[in-house]
N, C-alpha and C. Protein backbone atom coordinates (compact mmCIF):
# COMPACT_ATOMS: atom_id res chain seq x y z
N MET A 1 -37.04 -21.06 -59.26
CA MET A 1 -37.76 -21.27 -58.03
C MET A 1 -38.23 -22.72 -57.97
N ASP A 2 -37.75 -23.44 -57.01
CA ASP A 2 -38.07 -24.86 -56.91
C ASP A 2 -39.30 -25.14 -56.06
N GLU A 3 -39.90 -24.12 -55.45
CA GLU A 3 -41.04 -24.39 -54.58
C GLU A 3 -42.23 -24.98 -55.34
N GLN A 4 -42.23 -24.85 -56.66
CA GLN A 4 -43.33 -25.44 -57.44
C GLN A 4 -43.33 -26.96 -57.35
N PHE A 5 -42.22 -27.57 -56.92
CA PHE A 5 -42.14 -29.02 -56.81
C PHE A 5 -42.51 -29.53 -55.42
N ILE A 6 -42.78 -28.63 -54.46
CA ILE A 6 -43.24 -29.01 -53.13
C ILE A 6 -44.77 -29.00 -53.16
N PRO A 7 -45.42 -30.10 -52.76
CA PRO A 7 -46.89 -30.13 -52.80
C PRO A 7 -47.49 -28.97 -52.00
N SER A 8 -48.45 -28.29 -52.60
CA SER A 8 -49.10 -27.15 -51.95
C SER A 8 -50.21 -27.61 -51.03
N VAL A 9 -50.44 -26.82 -49.99
CA VAL A 9 -51.57 -27.02 -49.10
C VAL A 9 -52.31 -25.69 -49.03
N PRO A 10 -53.59 -25.72 -48.70
CA PRO A 10 -54.32 -24.45 -48.55
C PRO A 10 -53.73 -23.63 -47.40
N HIS A 11 -53.76 -22.33 -47.54
CA HIS A 11 -53.31 -21.43 -46.48
C HIS A 11 -54.20 -21.68 -45.26
N PRO A 12 -53.59 -21.93 -44.09
CA PRO A 12 -54.38 -22.32 -42.91
C PRO A 12 -55.15 -21.20 -42.23
N GLY A 13 -54.94 -19.95 -42.62
CA GLY A 13 -55.58 -18.89 -41.85
C GLY A 13 -56.38 -17.89 -42.65
N GLY A 14 -56.52 -18.11 -43.93
CA GLY A 14 -57.16 -17.07 -44.71
C GLY A 14 -58.08 -17.61 -45.76
N PRO A 15 -58.54 -16.73 -46.61
CA PRO A 15 -59.43 -17.15 -47.70
C PRO A 15 -58.71 -18.05 -48.69
N GLY A 16 -59.49 -18.82 -49.44
CA GLY A 16 -58.94 -19.80 -50.37
C GLY A 16 -58.06 -19.23 -51.47
N TRP A 17 -58.13 -17.93 -51.70
CA TRP A 17 -57.33 -17.36 -52.79
C TRP A 17 -55.92 -17.00 -52.36
N LEU A 18 -55.55 -17.21 -51.10
CA LEU A 18 -54.17 -16.96 -50.68
C LEU A 18 -53.27 -18.09 -51.14
N GLY A 19 -52.01 -17.78 -51.35
CA GLY A 19 -51.03 -18.78 -51.76
C GLY A 19 -50.58 -19.65 -50.61
N SER A 20 -49.73 -20.61 -50.93
CA SER A 20 -49.29 -21.59 -49.92
C SER A 20 -47.89 -21.26 -49.38
N TYR A 21 -47.56 -19.99 -49.33
CA TYR A 21 -46.29 -19.59 -48.73
C TYR A 21 -46.39 -18.16 -48.20
N VAL A 22 -45.45 -17.80 -47.34
CA VAL A 22 -45.39 -16.47 -46.75
C VAL A 22 -43.96 -15.94 -46.89
N SER A 23 -43.82 -14.64 -46.75
CA SER A 23 -42.47 -14.07 -46.71
C SER A 23 -42.28 -13.35 -45.39
N VAL A 24 -41.05 -13.37 -44.91
CA VAL A 24 -40.70 -12.78 -43.62
C VAL A 24 -39.59 -11.76 -43.83
N GLU A 25 -39.83 -10.55 -43.36
CA GLU A 25 -38.82 -9.49 -43.42
C GLU A 25 -38.15 -9.42 -42.05
N THR A 26 -36.82 -9.43 -42.02
CA THR A 26 -36.09 -9.53 -40.76
C THR A 26 -34.92 -8.55 -40.74
N VAL A 27 -34.70 -7.94 -39.58
CA VAL A 27 -33.51 -7.14 -39.33
C VAL A 27 -32.69 -7.91 -38.29
N SER A 28 -31.45 -8.26 -38.65
CA SER A 28 -30.53 -8.94 -37.73
C SER A 28 -29.49 -7.93 -37.30
N ASP A 29 -29.30 -7.77 -35.98
CA ASP A 29 -28.44 -6.69 -35.49
C ASP A 29 -27.28 -7.17 -34.61
N GLY A 30 -26.92 -8.45 -34.73
CA GLY A 30 -25.83 -8.96 -33.92
C GLY A 30 -26.29 -9.51 -32.58
N ARG A 31 -27.43 -9.06 -32.10
CA ARG A 31 -27.97 -9.56 -30.82
C ARG A 31 -29.14 -10.51 -31.05
N GLY A 32 -29.66 -10.50 -32.26
CA GLY A 32 -30.81 -11.36 -32.56
C GLY A 32 -31.46 -10.99 -33.87
N HIS A 33 -32.53 -11.69 -34.18
CA HIS A 33 -33.28 -11.46 -35.41
C HIS A 33 -34.63 -10.84 -35.03
N HIS A 34 -34.93 -9.73 -35.65
CA HIS A 34 -36.17 -9.00 -35.36
C HIS A 34 -37.05 -9.05 -36.61
N HIS A 35 -38.12 -9.81 -36.53
CA HIS A 35 -39.00 -10.00 -37.69
C HIS A 35 -39.99 -8.84 -37.74
N THR A 36 -39.84 -8.01 -38.75
CA THR A 36 -40.64 -6.79 -38.83
C THR A 36 -41.95 -6.99 -39.57
N ALA A 37 -42.04 -8.04 -40.38
CA ALA A 37 -43.29 -8.30 -41.11
C ALA A 37 -43.35 -9.74 -41.58
N VAL A 38 -44.55 -10.31 -41.53
CA VAL A 38 -44.83 -11.59 -42.16
C VAL A 38 -45.98 -11.31 -43.12
N MET A 39 -45.75 -11.61 -44.40
CA MET A 39 -46.75 -11.32 -45.43
C MET A 39 -47.22 -12.60 -46.10
N ASP A 40 -48.53 -12.68 -46.31
CA ASP A 40 -49.08 -13.77 -47.12
C ASP A 40 -48.80 -13.46 -48.58
N LYS A 41 -48.76 -14.50 -49.38
CA LYS A 41 -48.49 -14.34 -50.81
C LYS A 41 -49.70 -14.81 -51.60
N LEU A 42 -49.94 -14.18 -52.72
CA LEU A 42 -50.93 -14.68 -53.66
C LEU A 42 -50.30 -15.85 -54.41
N PRO A 43 -51.11 -16.73 -55.01
CA PRO A 43 -50.53 -17.88 -55.71
C PRO A 43 -49.54 -17.47 -56.79
N LEU A 44 -48.54 -18.32 -57.01
CA LEU A 44 -47.56 -18.10 -58.07
C LEU A 44 -48.19 -18.30 -59.44
N SER A 45 -47.65 -17.62 -60.40
CA SER A 45 -48.00 -17.86 -61.80
C SER A 45 -46.84 -18.66 -62.41
N VAL A 46 -47.12 -19.90 -62.84
CA VAL A 46 -46.09 -20.76 -63.41
C VAL A 46 -46.48 -21.07 -64.85
N VAL A 47 -45.59 -20.72 -65.78
CA VAL A 47 -45.85 -20.93 -67.19
C VAL A 47 -44.65 -21.64 -67.82
N ASP A 48 -44.91 -22.68 -68.62
CA ASP A 48 -43.83 -23.35 -69.33
C ASP A 48 -43.20 -22.39 -70.32
N GLU A 49 -41.88 -22.37 -70.36
CA GLU A 49 -41.18 -21.55 -71.34
C GLU A 49 -41.02 -22.35 -72.62
N VAL A 50 -41.47 -21.81 -73.70
CA VAL A 50 -41.45 -22.50 -74.98
C VAL A 50 -40.03 -22.80 -75.40
N GLY A 51 -39.80 -24.05 -75.85
CA GLY A 51 -38.50 -24.43 -76.40
C GLY A 51 -37.48 -24.87 -75.38
N ARG A 52 -37.84 -24.89 -74.09
CA ARG A 52 -36.87 -25.30 -73.07
C ARG A 52 -37.45 -26.46 -72.28
N LEU A 53 -36.72 -27.54 -72.24
CA LEU A 53 -37.14 -28.73 -71.52
C LEU A 53 -37.18 -28.45 -70.02
N ARG A 54 -38.31 -28.69 -69.38
CA ARG A 54 -38.51 -28.53 -67.93
C ARG A 54 -38.21 -27.11 -67.45
N ALA A 55 -38.35 -26.13 -68.30
CA ALA A 55 -38.11 -24.75 -67.89
C ALA A 55 -39.45 -24.08 -67.62
N HIS A 56 -39.51 -23.33 -66.54
CA HIS A 56 -40.73 -22.65 -66.15
C HIS A 56 -40.43 -21.19 -65.83
N ALA A 57 -41.34 -20.33 -66.23
CA ALA A 57 -41.28 -18.94 -65.82
C ALA A 57 -42.18 -18.82 -64.59
N VAL A 58 -41.60 -18.49 -63.45
CA VAL A 58 -42.34 -18.40 -62.20
C VAL A 58 -42.39 -16.93 -61.78
N ARG A 59 -43.60 -16.43 -61.55
CA ARG A 59 -43.76 -15.03 -61.18
C ARG A 59 -44.62 -14.92 -59.92
N GLU A 60 -44.20 -14.05 -59.00
CA GLU A 60 -45.04 -13.73 -57.86
C GLU A 60 -46.14 -12.79 -58.32
N THR A 61 -47.33 -12.92 -57.71
CA THR A 61 -48.46 -12.10 -58.15
C THR A 61 -48.93 -11.10 -57.11
N GLY A 62 -48.38 -11.15 -55.88
CA GLY A 62 -48.75 -10.14 -54.89
C GLY A 62 -48.51 -10.57 -53.47
N ASP A 63 -48.49 -9.57 -52.56
CA ASP A 63 -48.29 -9.77 -51.13
C ASP A 63 -49.49 -9.18 -50.38
N ILE A 64 -49.82 -9.79 -49.24
CA ILE A 64 -50.88 -9.30 -48.37
C ILE A 64 -50.29 -9.11 -46.97
N PHE A 65 -50.48 -7.92 -46.40
CA PHE A 65 -49.97 -7.63 -45.06
C PHE A 65 -51.09 -7.03 -44.23
N PRO A 66 -51.23 -7.46 -42.98
CA PRO A 66 -50.46 -8.49 -42.29
C PRO A 66 -50.95 -9.88 -42.65
N SER A 67 -50.16 -10.87 -42.29
CA SER A 67 -50.50 -12.26 -42.57
C SER A 67 -51.76 -12.67 -41.82
N ALA A 68 -52.54 -13.54 -42.44
CA ALA A 68 -53.74 -14.10 -41.81
C ALA A 68 -53.45 -15.41 -41.09
N LEU A 69 -52.17 -15.81 -41.01
CA LEU A 69 -51.84 -17.05 -40.31
C LEU A 69 -52.29 -16.98 -38.85
N PRO A 70 -52.74 -18.10 -38.30
CA PRO A 70 -53.04 -18.12 -36.86
C PRO A 70 -51.77 -17.82 -36.07
N GLU A 71 -51.92 -17.30 -34.86
CA GLU A 71 -50.77 -16.88 -34.06
C GLU A 71 -49.76 -18.00 -33.85
N ALA A 72 -50.24 -19.23 -33.62
CA ALA A 72 -49.31 -20.35 -33.42
C ALA A 72 -48.47 -20.59 -34.67
N SER A 73 -49.08 -20.45 -35.83
CA SER A 73 -48.34 -20.63 -37.09
C SER A 73 -47.34 -19.49 -37.30
N LEU A 74 -47.74 -18.27 -36.98
CA LEU A 74 -46.81 -17.13 -37.09
C LEU A 74 -45.59 -17.35 -36.20
N THR A 75 -45.82 -17.83 -35.00
CA THR A 75 -44.70 -18.10 -34.09
C THR A 75 -43.78 -19.15 -34.68
N ARG A 76 -44.33 -20.24 -35.23
CA ARG A 76 -43.51 -21.30 -35.82
C ARG A 76 -42.72 -20.78 -37.02
N VAL A 77 -43.34 -19.96 -37.85
CA VAL A 77 -42.64 -19.40 -39.02
C VAL A 77 -41.49 -18.52 -38.57
N ARG A 78 -41.73 -17.65 -37.60
CA ARG A 78 -40.66 -16.77 -37.11
C ARG A 78 -39.52 -17.58 -36.50
N GLU A 79 -39.85 -18.62 -35.73
CA GLU A 79 -38.81 -19.48 -35.14
C GLU A 79 -38.00 -20.18 -36.23
N LEU A 80 -38.69 -20.68 -37.24
CA LEU A 80 -38.01 -21.36 -38.35
C LEU A 80 -37.04 -20.41 -39.04
N VAL A 81 -37.48 -19.19 -39.32
CA VAL A 81 -36.62 -18.21 -40.00
C VAL A 81 -35.43 -17.87 -39.11
N SER A 82 -35.65 -17.67 -37.81
CA SER A 82 -34.54 -17.36 -36.90
C SER A 82 -33.51 -18.49 -36.89
N ARG A 83 -33.98 -19.73 -36.78
CA ARG A 83 -33.06 -20.87 -36.78
C ARG A 83 -32.29 -20.96 -38.10
N THR A 84 -32.98 -20.72 -39.20
CA THR A 84 -32.34 -20.78 -40.51
C THR A 84 -31.26 -19.70 -40.64
N LEU A 85 -31.57 -18.48 -40.22
CA LEU A 85 -30.58 -17.39 -40.28
C LEU A 85 -29.39 -17.69 -39.38
N ASP A 86 -29.64 -18.31 -38.22
CA ASP A 86 -28.53 -18.70 -37.34
C ASP A 86 -27.62 -19.72 -38.03
N VAL A 87 -28.22 -20.74 -38.66
CA VAL A 87 -27.43 -21.76 -39.34
C VAL A 87 -26.60 -21.15 -40.47
N LEU A 88 -27.17 -20.16 -41.15
CA LEU A 88 -26.45 -19.51 -42.24
C LEU A 88 -25.42 -18.49 -41.76
N GLY A 89 -25.41 -18.22 -40.46
CA GLY A 89 -24.45 -17.27 -39.91
C GLY A 89 -24.82 -15.81 -40.13
N VAL A 90 -26.07 -15.53 -40.34
CA VAL A 90 -26.51 -14.15 -40.56
C VAL A 90 -26.52 -13.43 -39.22
N ARG A 91 -25.79 -12.32 -39.15
CA ARG A 91 -25.70 -11.56 -37.91
C ARG A 91 -26.08 -10.09 -38.10
N TRP A 92 -25.61 -9.46 -39.14
CA TRP A 92 -25.87 -8.03 -39.39
C TRP A 92 -26.43 -7.89 -40.81
N ARG A 93 -27.74 -7.85 -40.91
CA ARG A 93 -28.30 -7.81 -42.26
C ARG A 93 -29.81 -7.60 -42.19
N VAL A 94 -30.35 -7.05 -43.25
CA VAL A 94 -31.79 -7.06 -43.49
C VAL A 94 -32.03 -8.18 -44.49
N SER A 95 -32.99 -9.04 -44.20
CA SER A 95 -33.21 -10.18 -45.08
C SER A 95 -34.69 -10.39 -45.39
N HIS A 96 -34.92 -11.08 -46.47
CA HIS A 96 -36.27 -11.44 -46.94
C HIS A 96 -36.24 -12.96 -47.12
N THR A 97 -37.09 -13.68 -46.37
CA THR A 97 -37.10 -15.14 -46.41
C THR A 97 -38.48 -15.61 -46.82
N GLU A 98 -38.53 -16.50 -47.79
CA GLU A 98 -39.80 -17.10 -48.22
C GLU A 98 -39.94 -18.47 -47.59
N VAL A 99 -41.13 -18.75 -47.04
CA VAL A 99 -41.41 -20.00 -46.36
C VAL A 99 -42.59 -20.67 -47.03
N LYS A 100 -42.36 -21.85 -47.58
CA LYS A 100 -43.42 -22.64 -48.21
C LYS A 100 -44.20 -23.36 -47.12
N LEU A 101 -45.52 -23.24 -47.12
CA LEU A 101 -46.36 -23.94 -46.16
C LEU A 101 -46.53 -25.37 -46.63
N SER A 102 -46.36 -26.31 -45.71
CA SER A 102 -46.47 -27.73 -46.08
C SER A 102 -47.39 -28.44 -45.10
N ARG A 103 -47.69 -29.68 -45.40
CA ARG A 103 -48.55 -30.45 -44.49
C ARG A 103 -47.93 -30.53 -43.10
N ARG A 104 -46.64 -30.75 -43.02
CA ARG A 104 -45.96 -30.86 -41.73
C ARG A 104 -46.10 -29.56 -40.96
N ALA A 105 -45.85 -28.43 -41.60
CA ALA A 105 -45.97 -27.13 -40.92
C ALA A 105 -47.40 -26.91 -40.46
N ARG A 106 -48.33 -27.34 -41.25
CA ARG A 106 -49.73 -27.16 -40.87
C ARG A 106 -50.07 -27.97 -39.62
N ARG A 107 -49.57 -29.19 -39.53
CA ARG A 107 -49.81 -30.03 -38.35
C ARG A 107 -49.19 -29.38 -37.11
N LEU A 108 -48.03 -28.75 -37.27
CA LEU A 108 -47.37 -28.13 -36.13
C LEU A 108 -48.17 -26.96 -35.57
N SER A 109 -49.01 -26.35 -36.38
CA SER A 109 -49.74 -25.17 -35.93
C SER A 109 -51.02 -25.50 -35.19
N ARG A 110 -51.42 -26.74 -35.15
CA ARG A 110 -52.70 -27.08 -34.50
C ARG A 110 -52.61 -27.15 -33.01
């Protein structure tokens, strides 16, 4: 998981103990992408693996539903996921997409 190398920002809509990313569950049916859930994530647990240069054990610690993101941020996240699935050619599938919150995304939600 490379998201540990993207600078974290505080979650813009919830308590300080929420993580800096969300996950989006989507059903794509050939006519569009239907986002069935957006979940906040608890912070990642990152531990150096002994004996391996630059190796990290990254573990998720939990999900919170529904997301506490402000409505404008939820809209931007859903649009981003839809555009990404379109670029990847996803048409008929259930998918799980993780979105790292960044300073740029935070500015877009204001």
